[in-house]
Amino acid sequence: MTGTNPTFAGDLLALIFNATTIANIAINATSSPITNVYVSLHTADPTSGTQATSEAAYTSYARVGVARTSGGWTVSTNTVVPVATISFPAATGGTETESYAGLGQSASGSTLLFFAGAISPTIAVSNGVTPQLSTSSQLTLS
């Protein structure tokens, strides 16, 4: 079986990125739900691993937390985009090329990776470069 109904895909994205309930299926955890989705950069496809798989390692790199609300993410049908540009810390050393972005649950560590996708164009990181993902960066479930 392949494919996802676009309406359900949108509902699933709204649950993950906006903490919106899916009636009769899922509610936002009432005791201690995550409040941010953490965005990461990767030098290779991390999909089969954790959020730390092939993660960026330039000096000063850190994941960026984006609020798990409609103020942080816009969900439309089966697509999600950040409301504002996501800026990572400027590189203070090291060179590498970021070719994937990841979305997960924690600020650091080998934790659950929700989604990952290729970045186009890739981001060449060197001293002084501030990697960014723009508001035209999107995740589409199909």
Foldseek 3Di string as FASTA:
>chain_A
DDDDQLQVLLVVLLCQQAQPADPPPDHQDPPDGFFWKWKFFAQDDCVVFFSPVRTDDAPQWWIDTFGSRCQQWDGDRFKIFGPFKDKTDAGQADWGKTFKMWIHRDRDDRHHTPDMDTDPPIDIHGHGDIDIDGRVDMDGGD
